[in-house]
Amino acid sequence: MQMNPVGWFEIYVDDMPRAKAFYEAVLQTSLEQLDYDAKMNLEMWLFPSSMEQYGAAGALAKMEGVSAGGNSTLVYFSCQDCANEQSRVEAAGGKVMQPKFAIGQYGFISIAADTEGNMIGFHSMS
């Protein structure tokens, strides 16, 4: 494999306005709506990304027949200090599941549940 194994991610949600507000508050960013074919019954809001930067791009997604939560995929958001994002989780309607802890030479992580029941992680080197 010549590149990082993850090239895109989607976090499925049941309540898009609530989920969008959660991620914008916790990550202190704005999501941009993706234009799509309405026949697909799919709504997506993109996380900010740059094809020239390291890491995978992704979006919040809402699609009929695909429920949020209860999955076994965990997306980690890169941070300067994951304690900062963790500190905003509960005020945004989520729940901190595992406060910041060390993972040896690979830095630190914290794990949270979003407003839709999805587990997400935050990773930082400090």
N, C-alpha and C. Protein backbone atom coordinates (compact mmCIF):
# COMPACT_ATOMS: atom_id res chain seq x y z
N MET A 1 0.85 -1.18 0.00
CA MET A 1 0.00 0.00 0.00
C MET A 1 0.89 1.24 0.00
N GLN A 2 0.65 2.13 -0.93
CA GLN A 2 1.48 3.31 -1.12
C GLN A 2 1.02 4.53 -0.35
N MET A 3 -0.16 4.47 0.27
CA MET A 3 -0.70 5.65 0.94
C MET A 3 -1.37 5.24 2.24
N ASN A 4 -1.83 6.23 3.00
CA ASN A 4 -2.58 5.93 4.21
C ASN A 4 -3.83 5.15 3.84
N PRO A 5 -4.23 4.17 4.67
CA PRO A 5 -5.33 3.30 4.29
C PRO A 5 -6.71 3.94 4.31
N VAL A 6 -6.91 5.02 5.04
CA VAL A 6 -8.22 5.66 5.09
C VAL A 6 -8.20 6.89 4.19
N GLY A 7 -9.09 6.93 3.22
CA GLY A 7 -9.15 8.05 2.30
C GLY A 7 -10.40 8.90 2.48
N TRP A 8 -11.41 8.39 3.20
CA TRP A 8 -12.67 9.10 3.37
C TRP A 8 -13.40 8.47 4.54
N PHE A 9 -14.22 9.24 5.24
CA PHE A 9 -15.07 8.67 6.28
C PHE A 9 -16.43 9.34 6.24
N GLU A 10 -17.44 8.62 6.69
CA GLU A 10 -18.79 9.15 6.84
C GLU A 10 -19.30 8.75 8.21
N ILE A 11 -19.87 9.70 8.93
CA ILE A 11 -20.49 9.44 10.22
C ILE A 11 -21.99 9.59 10.01
N TYR A 12 -22.71 8.48 10.11
CA TYR A 12 -24.15 8.52 9.86
C TYR A 12 -24.91 9.02 11.08
N VAL A 13 -25.90 9.87 10.82
CA VAL A 13 -26.66 10.53 11.87
C VAL A 13 -28.15 10.39 11.61
N ASP A 14 -28.95 10.56 12.67
CA ASP A 14 -30.41 10.54 12.55
C ASP A 14 -30.98 11.95 12.52
N ASP A 15 -30.36 12.86 13.24
CA ASP A 15 -30.84 14.24 13.34
C ASP A 15 -29.70 15.15 12.87
N MET A 16 -29.71 15.53 11.59
CA MET A 16 -28.60 16.29 11.02
C MET A 16 -28.38 17.64 11.69
N PRO A 17 -29.42 18.46 11.94
CA PRO A 17 -29.15 19.75 12.60
C PRO A 17 -28.48 19.57 13.97
N ARG A 18 -28.94 18.60 14.75
CA ARG A 18 -28.35 18.35 16.07
C ARG A 18 -26.91 17.88 15.93
N ALA A 19 -26.65 16.93 15.04
CA ALA A 19 -25.30 16.39 14.86
C ALA A 19 -24.36 17.47 14.32
N LYS A 20 -24.82 18.25 13.36
CA LYS A 20 -23.99 19.32 12.79
C LYS A 20 -23.62 20.32 13.87
N ALA A 21 -24.56 20.71 14.71
CA ALA A 21 -24.29 21.65 15.80
C ALA A 21 -23.27 21.07 16.77
N PHE A 22 -23.37 19.77 17.08
CA PHE A 22 -22.43 19.12 17.98
C PHE A 22 -21.00 19.20 17.44
N TYR A 23 -20.80 18.77 16.20
CA TYR A 23 -19.44 18.74 15.64
C TYR A 23 -18.89 20.14 15.43
N GLU A 24 -19.72 21.09 15.03
CA GLU A 24 -19.23 22.45 14.86
C GLU A 24 -18.83 23.05 16.21
N ALA A 25 -19.56 22.73 17.27
CA ALA A 25 -19.22 23.26 18.60
C ALA A 25 -17.97 22.60 19.17
N VAL A 26 -17.90 21.28 19.09
CA VAL A 26 -16.76 20.56 19.68
C VAL A 26 -15.47 20.83 18.92
N LEU A 27 -15.53 20.81 17.59
CA LEU A 27 -14.33 21.00 16.78
C LEU A 27 -14.08 22.46 16.42
N GLN A 28 -14.99 23.34 16.81
CA GLN A 28 -14.90 24.78 16.51
C GLN A 28 -14.60 25.01 15.03
N THR A 29 -15.49 24.50 14.19
CA THR A 29 -15.35 24.62 12.74
C THR A 29 -16.72 24.75 12.11
N SER A 30 -16.75 24.97 10.83
CA SER A 30 -18.01 25.02 10.09
C SER A 30 -18.01 23.92 9.06
N LEU A 31 -19.13 23.23 8.94
CA LEU A 31 -19.28 22.20 7.93
C LEU A 31 -19.98 22.79 6.72
N GLU A 32 -19.66 22.25 5.55
CA GLU A 32 -20.20 22.75 4.29
C GLU A 32 -21.09 21.69 3.66
N GLN A 33 -22.28 22.08 3.24
CA GLN A 33 -23.20 21.10 2.65
C GLN A 33 -22.72 20.68 1.27
N LEU A 34 -22.79 19.39 1.03
CA LEU A 34 -22.42 18.81 -0.25
C LEU A 34 -23.64 18.79 -1.15
N ASP A 35 -23.47 19.30 -2.38
CA ASP A 35 -24.55 19.19 -3.36
C ASP A 35 -24.66 17.75 -3.80
N TYR A 36 -25.87 17.25 -3.91
CA TYR A 36 -26.06 15.85 -4.25
C TYR A 36 -27.35 15.68 -5.03
N ASP A 37 -27.52 14.50 -5.58
CA ASP A 37 -28.73 14.15 -6.33
C ASP A 37 -29.82 13.81 -5.32
N ALA A 38 -30.88 14.61 -5.29
CA ALA A 38 -31.96 14.43 -4.31
C ALA A 38 -32.62 13.05 -4.41
N LYS A 39 -32.54 12.42 -5.57
CA LYS A 39 -33.13 11.08 -5.73
C LYS A 39 -32.45 10.05 -4.83
N MET A 40 -31.23 10.33 -4.42
CA MET A 40 -30.50 9.40 -3.55
C MET A 40 -30.99 9.47 -2.12
N ASN A 41 -31.75 10.50 -1.77
CA ASN A 41 -32.22 10.69 -0.40
C ASN A 41 -31.04 10.68 0.58
N LEU A 42 -30.02 11.44 0.24
CA LEU A 42 -28.79 11.50 1.01
C LEU A 42 -28.45 12.96 1.29
N GLU A 43 -28.17 13.28 2.55
CA GLU A 43 -27.73 14.62 2.95
C GLU A 43 -26.35 14.49 3.55
N MET A 44 -25.41 15.31 3.09
CA MET A 44 -24.04 15.26 3.62
C MET A 44 -23.54 16.66 3.92
N TRP A 45 -22.84 16.76 5.04
CA TRP A 45 -22.16 18.00 5.44
C TRP A 45 -20.68 17.67 5.61
N LEU A 46 -19.83 18.33 4.84
CA LEU A 46 -18.40 18.04 4.78
C LEU A 46 -17.62 18.73 5.89
N PHE A 47 -16.68 17.98 6.49
CA PHE A 47 -15.71 18.58 7.39
C PHE A 47 -14.70 19.34 6.54
N PRO A 48 -14.13 20.44 7.05
CA PRO A 48 -13.11 21.16 6.27
C PRO A 48 -11.95 20.23 5.94
N SER A 49 -11.43 20.33 4.73
CA SER A 49 -10.31 19.48 4.34
C SER A 49 -9.51 20.12 3.23
N SER A 50 -8.33 19.60 3.03
CA SER A 50 -7.45 20.04 1.95
C SER A 50 -6.78 18.80 1.38
N MET A 51 -6.84 18.64 0.09
CA MET A 51 -6.22 17.48 -0.54
C MET A 51 -4.69 17.53 -0.44
N GLU A 52 -4.14 18.71 -0.13
CA GLU A 52 -2.69 18.85 0.00
C GLU A 52 -2.19 18.54 1.41
N GLN A 53 -3.10 18.33 2.36
CA GLN A 53 -2.73 18.09 3.74
C GLN A 53 -2.83 16.62 4.10
N TYR A 54 -2.14 16.22 5.15
CA TYR A 54 -2.16 14.87 5.67
C TYR A 54 -3.51 14.57 6.30
N GLY A 55 -4.01 13.37 6.16
CA GLY A 55 -5.24 12.95 6.82
C GLY A 55 -6.37 12.73 5.84
N ALA A 56 -7.43 12.12 6.33
CA ALA A 56 -8.59 11.78 5.50
C ALA A 56 -9.67 12.84 5.60
N ALA A 57 -10.39 13.04 4.52
CA ALA A 57 -11.55 13.93 4.51
C ALA A 57 -12.79 13.11 4.81
N GLY A 58 -13.87 13.81 5.19
CA GLY A 58 -15.09 13.08 5.49
C GLY A 58 -16.26 13.98 5.71
N ALA A 59 -17.40 13.37 6.08
CA ALA A 59 -18.64 14.12 6.19
C ALA A 59 -19.59 13.47 7.16
N LEU A 60 -20.53 14.27 7.67
CA LEU A 60 -21.71 13.74 8.34
C LEU A 60 -22.66 13.32 7.22
N ALA A 61 -23.36 12.22 7.39
CA ALA A 61 -24.26 11.73 6.36
C ALA A 61 -25.58 11.30 6.97
N LYS A 62 -26.66 11.60 6.26
CA LYS A 62 -27.98 11.14 6.65
C LYS A 62 -28.63 10.52 5.42
N MET A 63 -29.01 9.24 5.55
CA MET A 63 -29.60 8.54 4.42
C MET A 63 -30.68 7.60 4.94
N GLU A 64 -31.79 7.59 4.26
CA GLU A 64 -32.89 6.71 4.64
C GLU A 64 -32.41 5.27 4.69
N GLY A 65 -32.75 4.58 5.78
CA GLY A 65 -32.38 3.18 5.93
C GLY A 65 -31.04 2.94 6.59
N VAL A 66 -30.29 4.01 6.89
CA VAL A 66 -28.98 3.87 7.55
C VAL A 66 -29.07 4.62 8.88
N SER A 67 -29.13 3.89 9.98
CA SER A 67 -29.26 4.49 11.30
C SER A 67 -27.92 4.86 11.89
N ALA A 68 -27.94 5.81 12.79
CA ALA A 68 -26.73 6.24 13.51
C ALA A 68 -26.45 5.30 14.67
N GLY A 69 -25.22 5.38 15.17
CA GLY A 69 -24.83 4.65 16.38
C GLY A 69 -24.78 3.15 16.20
N GLY A 70 -24.26 2.48 17.21
CA GLY A 70 -24.24 1.03 17.23
C GLY A 70 -23.29 0.40 16.23
N ASN A 71 -22.40 1.17 15.65
CA ASN A 71 -21.48 0.57 14.70
C ASN A 71 -20.13 0.30 15.36
N SER A 72 -19.23 -0.31 14.62
CA SER A 72 -17.94 -0.66 15.21
C SER A 72 -16.80 0.12 14.58
N THR A 73 -17.08 1.23 13.94
CA THR A 73 -16.04 2.08 13.36
C THR A 73 -15.82 3.28 14.26
N LEU A 74 -14.56 3.59 14.53
CA LEU A 74 -14.22 4.72 15.38
C LEU A 74 -13.34 5.68 14.59
N VAL A 75 -13.83 6.89 14.37
CA VAL A 75 -13.08 7.93 13.66
C VAL A 75 -12.37 8.78 14.70
N TYR A 76 -11.07 9.03 14.48
CA TYR A 76 -10.30 9.91 15.36
C TYR A 76 -10.04 11.23 14.65
N PHE A 77 -10.36 12.33 15.33
CA PHE A 77 -10.08 13.65 14.82
C PHE A 77 -8.73 14.11 15.37
N SER A 78 -7.87 14.62 14.50
CA SER A 78 -6.56 15.12 14.92
C SER A 78 -6.72 16.47 15.59
N CYS A 79 -5.99 16.68 16.69
CA CYS A 79 -6.11 17.89 17.51
C CYS A 79 -4.73 18.34 17.96
N GLN A 80 -4.63 19.58 18.38
CA GLN A 80 -3.40 20.07 19.02
C GLN A 80 -3.28 19.45 20.41
N ASP A 81 -4.37 19.47 21.17
CA ASP A 81 -4.45 18.86 22.49
C ASP A 81 -5.87 18.32 22.64
N CYS A 82 -6.02 17.02 22.64
CA CYS A 82 -7.36 16.42 22.63
C CYS A 82 -8.19 16.79 23.86
N ALA A 83 -7.55 17.28 24.91
CA ALA A 83 -8.30 17.72 26.09
C ALA A 83 -9.20 18.92 25.75
N ASN A 84 -8.79 19.74 24.77
CA ASN A 84 -9.60 20.91 24.40
C ASN A 84 -10.93 20.48 23.79
N GLU A 85 -10.89 19.58 22.80
CA GLU A 85 -12.12 19.10 22.18
C GLU A 85 -12.95 18.33 23.20
N GLN A 86 -12.30 17.51 23.99
CA GLN A 86 -12.99 16.75 25.04
C GLN A 86 -13.75 17.67 25.97
N SER A 87 -13.17 18.83 26.29
CA SER A 87 -13.81 19.75 27.23
C SER A 87 -15.10 20.36 26.69
N ARG A 88 -15.31 20.29 25.36
CA ARG A 88 -16.51 20.87 24.75
C ARG A 88 -17.60 19.85 24.46
N VAL A 89 -17.32 18.57 24.66
CA VAL A 89 -18.25 17.50 24.28
C VAL A 89 -19.58 17.59 25.02
N GLU A 90 -19.56 17.64 26.32
CA GLU A 90 -20.81 17.59 27.09
C GLU A 90 -21.67 18.83 26.90
N ALA A 91 -21.04 20.00 26.79
CA ALA A 91 -21.81 21.23 26.55
C ALA A 91 -22.50 21.19 25.19
N ALA A 92 -21.94 20.40 24.25
CA ALA A 92 -22.52 20.29 22.91
C ALA A 92 -23.53 19.15 22.82
N GLY A 93 -23.78 18.46 23.94
CA GLY A 93 -24.80 17.42 23.96
C GLY A 93 -24.29 16.00 23.90
N GLY A 94 -22.97 15.82 23.86
CA GLY A 94 -22.39 14.48 23.82
C GLY A 94 -21.99 14.00 25.20
N LYS A 95 -21.22 12.92 25.24
CA LYS A 95 -20.77 12.35 26.51
C LYS A 95 -19.33 11.87 26.38
N VAL A 96 -18.48 12.27 27.32
CA VAL A 96 -17.10 11.79 27.34
C VAL A 96 -17.12 10.35 27.86
N MET A 97 -16.63 9.44 27.05
CA MET A 97 -16.62 8.02 27.43
C MET A 97 -15.29 7.63 28.08
N GLN A 98 -14.19 8.21 27.60
CA GLN A 98 -12.87 7.94 28.15
C GLN A 98 -12.07 9.23 28.09
N PRO A 99 -11.81 9.84 29.26
CA PRO A 99 -11.03 11.08 29.25
C PRO A 99 -9.62 10.85 28.69
N LYS A 100 -8.98 11.93 28.34
CA LYS A 100 -7.64 11.90 27.74
C LYS A 100 -6.71 10.96 28.50
N PHE A 101 -6.03 10.11 27.72
CA PHE A 101 -5.03 9.21 28.30
C PHE A 101 -3.91 8.97 27.31
N ALA A 102 -2.74 8.60 27.82
CA ALA A 102 -1.54 8.41 27.01
C ALA A 102 -1.60 7.07 26.27
N ILE A 103 -1.09 7.09 25.04
CA ILE A 103 -0.93 5.85 24.27
C ILE A 103 0.53 5.70 23.88
N GLY A 104 1.40 5.95 24.85
CA GLY A 104 2.84 5.79 24.66
C GLY A 104 3.41 6.78 23.67
N GLN A 105 4.31 6.31 22.83
CA GLN A 105 4.99 7.18 21.86
C GLN A 105 4.05 7.78 20.82
N TYR A 106 2.80 7.30 20.78
CA TYR A 106 1.84 7.77 19.78
C TYR A 106 0.97 8.92 20.28
N GLY A 107 1.25 9.43 21.47
CA GLY A 107 0.54 10.60 21.97
C GLY A 107 -0.58 10.30 22.93
N PHE A 108 -1.72 10.95 22.72
CA PHE A 108 -2.85 10.88 23.65
C PHE A 108 -4.15 10.77 22.86
N ILE A 109 -5.14 10.14 23.48
CA ILE A 109 -6.48 10.09 22.89
C ILE A 109 -7.53 10.29 23.97
N SER A 110 -8.70 10.69 23.54
CA SER A 110 -9.90 10.67 24.38
C SER A 110 -11.03 10.19 23.49
N ILE A 111 -12.05 9.59 24.09
CA ILE A 111 -13.15 9.00 23.34
C ILE A 111 -14.46 9.57 23.86
N ALA A 112 -15.37 9.88 22.92
CA ALA A 112 -16.66 10.47 23.27
C ALA A 112 -17.77 9.84 22.45
N ALA A 113 -18.99 10.04 22.91
CA ALA A 113 -20.18 9.67 22.14
C ALA A 113 -20.80 10.98 21.67
N ASP A 114 -21.18 11.04 20.39
CA ASP A 114 -21.82 12.25 19.88
C ASP A 114 -23.31 12.24 20.19
N THR A 115 -24.04 13.21 19.71
CA THR A 115 -25.47 13.32 19.99
C THR A 115 -26.29 12.22 19.33
N GLU A 116 -25.69 11.49 18.39
CA GLU A 116 -26.39 10.44 17.65
C GLU A 116 -26.05 9.04 18.14
N GLY A 117 -25.17 8.94 19.16
CA GLY A 117 -24.78 7.64 19.68
C GLY A 117 -23.54 7.06 19.02
N ASN A 118 -22.91 7.82 18.11
CA ASN A 118 -21.68 7.37 17.47
C ASN A 118 -20.50 7.58 18.41
N MET A 119 -19.59 6.64 18.47
CA MET A 119 -18.35 6.81 19.21
C MET A 119 -17.35 7.49 18.30
N ILE A 120 -16.66 8.51 18.83
CA ILE A 120 -15.62 9.22 18.10
C ILE A 120 -14.42 9.39 19.01
N GLY A 121 -13.26 9.60 18.42
CA GLY A 121 -12.05 9.81 19.20
C GLY A 121 -11.37 11.09 18.82
N PHE A 122 -10.53 11.57 19.72
CA PHE A 122 -9.69 12.74 19.48
C PHE A 122 -8.26 12.29 19.74
N HIS A 123 -7.32 12.68 18.86
CA HIS A 123 -5.92 12.29 19.01
C HIS A 123 -5.03 13.52 18.96
N SER A 124 -4.05 13.55 19.84
CA SER A 124 -3.03 14.61 19.82
C SER A 124 -1.71 14.04 20.28
N MET A 125 -0.65 14.75 19.96
CA MET A 125 0.68 14.34 20.40
C MET A 125 1.04 14.94 21.75
N SER A 126 0.25 15.90 22.23
CA SER A 126 0.54 16.47 23.55
C SER A 126 -0.73 16.49 24.38
